Amino acid sequence: MTGPAVLAAPTVPRDAGPDERAARYGEVRAAIASLLDDEDDWVAAMASVVCELHHAFAYFDWTGFYRAVEPEVLIVGPYQGGHGCLRIPFGRGVCGAAAHTRETQVVPDVEAFSGHIACSSTTRSEIVVPVVTEGGALLAVLDIDSNDPSAFLEVDRQHLEAIAQDLGRRFPHLQS
């Protein structure tokens, strides 16, 4: 199934406030729900989520998933932006911390994060959200990097966590 056509709305600017961001997340989440209706392929779902998010927000400079496909190791993909690190051990860097703790990591200044992995020299802030099934299996982490310091607000966290939670519910049969 190819899914419905989704019309692109204007990109939310880097200096957008919480209300503008929340409105755009509402549109993006509706588009994702429509695109993933009856979709059962995990990679196709991740690619669709990444595409919708990356093109909706100007401050999303790298948007992607690191998949939990090996014990204690995350592997990149799908993503949009420049090259990402290929493999990240649990507990290392922001992505590894999110995988290890199963908690969202919001980092306003990556230089101040102990053990940050510089996959891109332009990244200044980062948010990483774990994707976990209702049974507790870690499927992936959703990683978004910004070239702006302190780019992510509470509204970003709330909506990205909701997207990750929905993915965990849609793919309960996958195990890390």
Protein backbone atom coordinates (compact mmCIF):
# COMPACT_ATOMS: atom_id res chain seq x y z
CA MET A 1 0.00 0.00 0.00
CA THR A 2 1.43 3.37 -0.95
CA GLY A 3 -0.57 5.49 1.51
CA PRO A 4 -2.40 8.73 0.97
CA ALA A 5 -0.89 11.86 -0.50
CA VAL A 6 0.07 14.33 2.21
CA LEU A 7 0.39 18.01 1.39
CA ALA A 8 3.42 19.75 2.84
CA ALA A 9 2.84 22.74 5.09
CA PRO A 10 5.41 25.50 5.57
CA THR A 11 8.42 24.61 7.70
CA VAL A 12 8.31 25.90 11.27
CA PRO A 13 11.11 28.47 11.66
CA ARG A 14 13.97 28.10 14.10
CA ASP A 15 12.64 30.83 16.39
CA ALA A 16 9.06 29.50 16.58
CA GLY A 17 7.36 29.60 19.94
CA PRO A 18 5.50 26.77 21.70
CA ASP A 19 2.09 27.50 20.13
CA GLU A 20 3.39 27.50 16.56
CA ARG A 21 5.36 24.34 17.22
CA ALA A 22 2.38 22.58 18.83
CA ALA A 23 0.14 23.45 15.89
CA ARG A 24 2.67 22.04 13.42
CA TYR A 25 3.16 18.90 15.51
CA GLY A 26 -0.60 18.37 15.34
CA GLU A 27 -0.43 18.46 11.54
CA VAL A 28 2.65 16.23 11.43
CA ARG A 29 1.16 13.68 13.80
CA ALA A 30 -2.02 13.53 11.70
CA ALA A 31 0.06 13.02 8.56
CA ILE A 32 2.10 10.27 10.24
CA ALA A 33 -1.07 8.52 11.45
CA SER A 34 -2.48 8.64 7.92
CA LEU A 35 0.75 7.40 6.32
CA LEU A 36 1.14 4.55 8.80
CA ASP A 37 -2.48 3.41 8.68
CA ASP A 38 -2.26 -0.36 8.04
CA GLU A 39 1.54 -0.18 7.63
CA ASP A 40 3.28 -3.19 9.13
CA ASP A 41 6.85 -2.64 7.95
CA TRP A 42 9.02 -1.17 10.71
CA VAL A 43 11.62 0.37 8.37
CA ALA A 44 8.96 2.00 6.19
CA ALA A 45 7.32 3.43 9.31
CA MET A 46 10.58 4.86 10.63
CA ALA A 47 11.45 6.36 7.23
CA SER A 48 8.03 8.01 7.00
CA VAL A 49 8.27 9.47 10.50
CA VAL A 50 11.75 10.83 9.84
CA CYS A 51 10.70 12.41 6.55
CA GLU A 52 7.64 14.12 8.03
CA LEU A 53 9.54 15.47 11.04
CA HIS A 54 12.69 16.54 9.22
CA HIS A 55 10.84 18.64 6.67
CA ALA A 56 8.40 20.18 9.16
CA PHE A 57 10.84 21.98 11.46
CA ALA A 58 13.73 24.17 10.29
CA TYR A 59 15.66 23.52 13.50
CA PHE A 60 15.75 19.74 12.86
CA ASP A 61 19.15 19.52 11.15
CA TRP A 62 19.58 15.75 11.57
CA THR A 63 16.58 13.52 12.15
CA GLY A 64 16.75 9.78 12.41
CA PHE A 65 16.54 6.54 14.26
CA TYR A 66 19.16 4.38 15.83
CA ARG A 67 17.78 0.85 15.91
CA ALA A 68 18.34 -1.61 18.76
CA VAL A 69 19.17 -4.64 16.62
CA GLU A 70 22.14 -6.03 18.53
CA PRO A 71 22.52 -6.46 22.30
CA GLU A 72 23.57 -3.14 23.84
CA VAL A 73 24.31 -1.55 20.43
CA LEU A 74 22.34 0.96 18.36
CA ILE A 75 22.68 0.97 14.56
CA VAL A 76 21.83 4.01 12.43
CA GLY A 77 18.90 4.29 10.06
CA PRO A 78 16.66 5.47 8.57
CA TYR A 79 17.63 9.15 8.81
CA GLN A 80 17.76 12.46 6.98
CA GLY A 81 20.63 14.92 7.18
CA GLY A 82 24.38 14.38 6.97
CA HIS A 83 26.06 11.11 7.86
CA GLY A 84 25.39 9.81 11.35
CA CYS A 85 27.53 7.59 13.51
CA LEU A 86 27.02 4.03 12.34
CA ARG A 87 26.98 2.22 15.70
CA ILE A 88 26.56 3.54 19.22
CA PRO A 89 26.94 1.39 22.35
CA PHE A 90 24.24 1.71 25.00
CA GLY A 91 25.34 4.16 27.65
CA ARG A 92 27.61 6.13 25.29
CA GLY A 93 26.63 9.61 24.14
CA VAL A 94 23.12 11.05 24.21
CA CYS A 95 21.61 8.22 22.14
CA GLY A 96 23.29 5.56 24.26
CA ALA A 97 22.07 7.28 27.45
CA ALA A 98 18.49 7.28 26.16
CA ALA A 99 18.77 3.60 25.19
CA HIS A 100 20.29 2.64 28.54
CA THR A 101 17.84 4.58 30.74
CA ARG A 102 14.79 4.31 28.43
CA GLU A 103 14.25 8.02 29.19
CA THR A 104 14.16 11.03 26.89
CA GLN A 105 17.36 13.03 26.86
CA VAL A 106 17.11 16.76 26.13
CA VAL A 107 20.53 18.38 25.79
CA PRO A 108 20.53 22.16 25.31
CA ASP A 109 24.33 22.25 24.87
CA VAL A 110 26.00 19.09 23.58
CA GLU A 111 29.43 20.41 24.58
CA ALA A 112 28.30 20.26 28.21
CA PHE A 113 27.06 16.64 27.95
CA SER A 114 29.64 14.29 29.41
CA GLY A 115 30.54 11.66 26.83
CA HIS A 116 28.81 13.36 23.90
CA ILE A 117 29.67 11.72 20.58
CA ALA A 118 30.27 14.36 17.91
CA CYS A 119 28.80 12.68 14.83
CA SER A 120 28.54 16.20 13.36
CA SER A 121 30.70 19.16 14.32
CA THR A 122 27.77 21.54 13.71
CA THR A 123 25.38 20.02 16.27
CA ARG A 124 24.72 22.30 19.24
CA SER A 125 21.66 20.71 20.89
CA GLU A 126 19.94 17.35 20.76
CA ILE A 127 16.84 15.46 21.83
CA VAL A 128 16.70 11.67 21.91
CA VAL A 129 13.50 9.75 22.61
CA PRO A 130 13.40 5.98 23.19
CA VAL A 131 10.88 3.90 21.25
CA VAL A 132 9.72 1.15 23.60
CA THR A 133 6.98 -1.45 23.18
CA GLU A 134 4.27 -1.78 25.82
CA GLY A 135 6.09 -4.97 26.85
CA GLY A 136 9.25 -2.96 27.58
CA ALA A 137 11.39 -3.90 24.56
CA LEU A 138 13.56 -1.09 23.22
CA LEU A 139 13.07 -0.89 19.45
CA ALA A 140 15.06 2.25 18.67
CA VAL A 141 15.77 5.80 19.71
CA LEU A 142 14.55 8.80 17.75
CA ASP A 143 17.45 11.25 17.56
CA ILE A 144 17.08 14.87 16.47
CA ASP A 145 20.06 17.22 16.30
CA SER A 146 19.98 20.97 15.86
CA ASN A 147 22.73 23.35 14.86
CA ASP A 148 21.16 25.87 17.27
CA PRO A 149 21.83 25.83 21.01
CA SER A 150 18.80 25.15 23.23
CA ALA A 151 16.64 24.39 20.19
CA PHE A 152 14.19 22.03 21.89
CA LEU A 153 11.34 23.08 24.14
CA GLU A 154 9.00 21.09 26.36
CA VAL A 155 6.47 21.04 23.52
CA ASP A 156 9.02 19.22 21.33
CA ARG A 157 9.59 16.65 24.07
CA GLN A 158 5.87 16.05 24.58
CA HIS A 159 5.05 15.53 20.92
CA LEU A 160 8.15 13.48 20.08
CA GLU A 161 7.45 11.22 23.06
CA ALA A 162 3.87 10.76 21.83
CA ILE A 163 5.15 9.80 18.36
CA ALA A 164 7.64 7.34 19.86
CA GLN A 165 4.97 5.85 22.12
CA ASP A 166 2.67 5.39 19.14
CA LEU A 167 5.44 3.57 17.23
CA GLY A 168 6.01 1.28 20.20
CA ARG A 169 2.30 0.42 20.22
CA ARG A 170 2.19 -0.14 16.45
CA PHE A 171 5.07 -2.64 16.47
CA PRO A 172 4.64 -4.74 19.64
CA HIS A 173 5.86 -7.89 17.88
CA LEU A 174 9.38 -6.54 17.35
CA GLN A 175 11.98 -7.32 19.98
CA SER A 176 15.40 -5.80 20.42
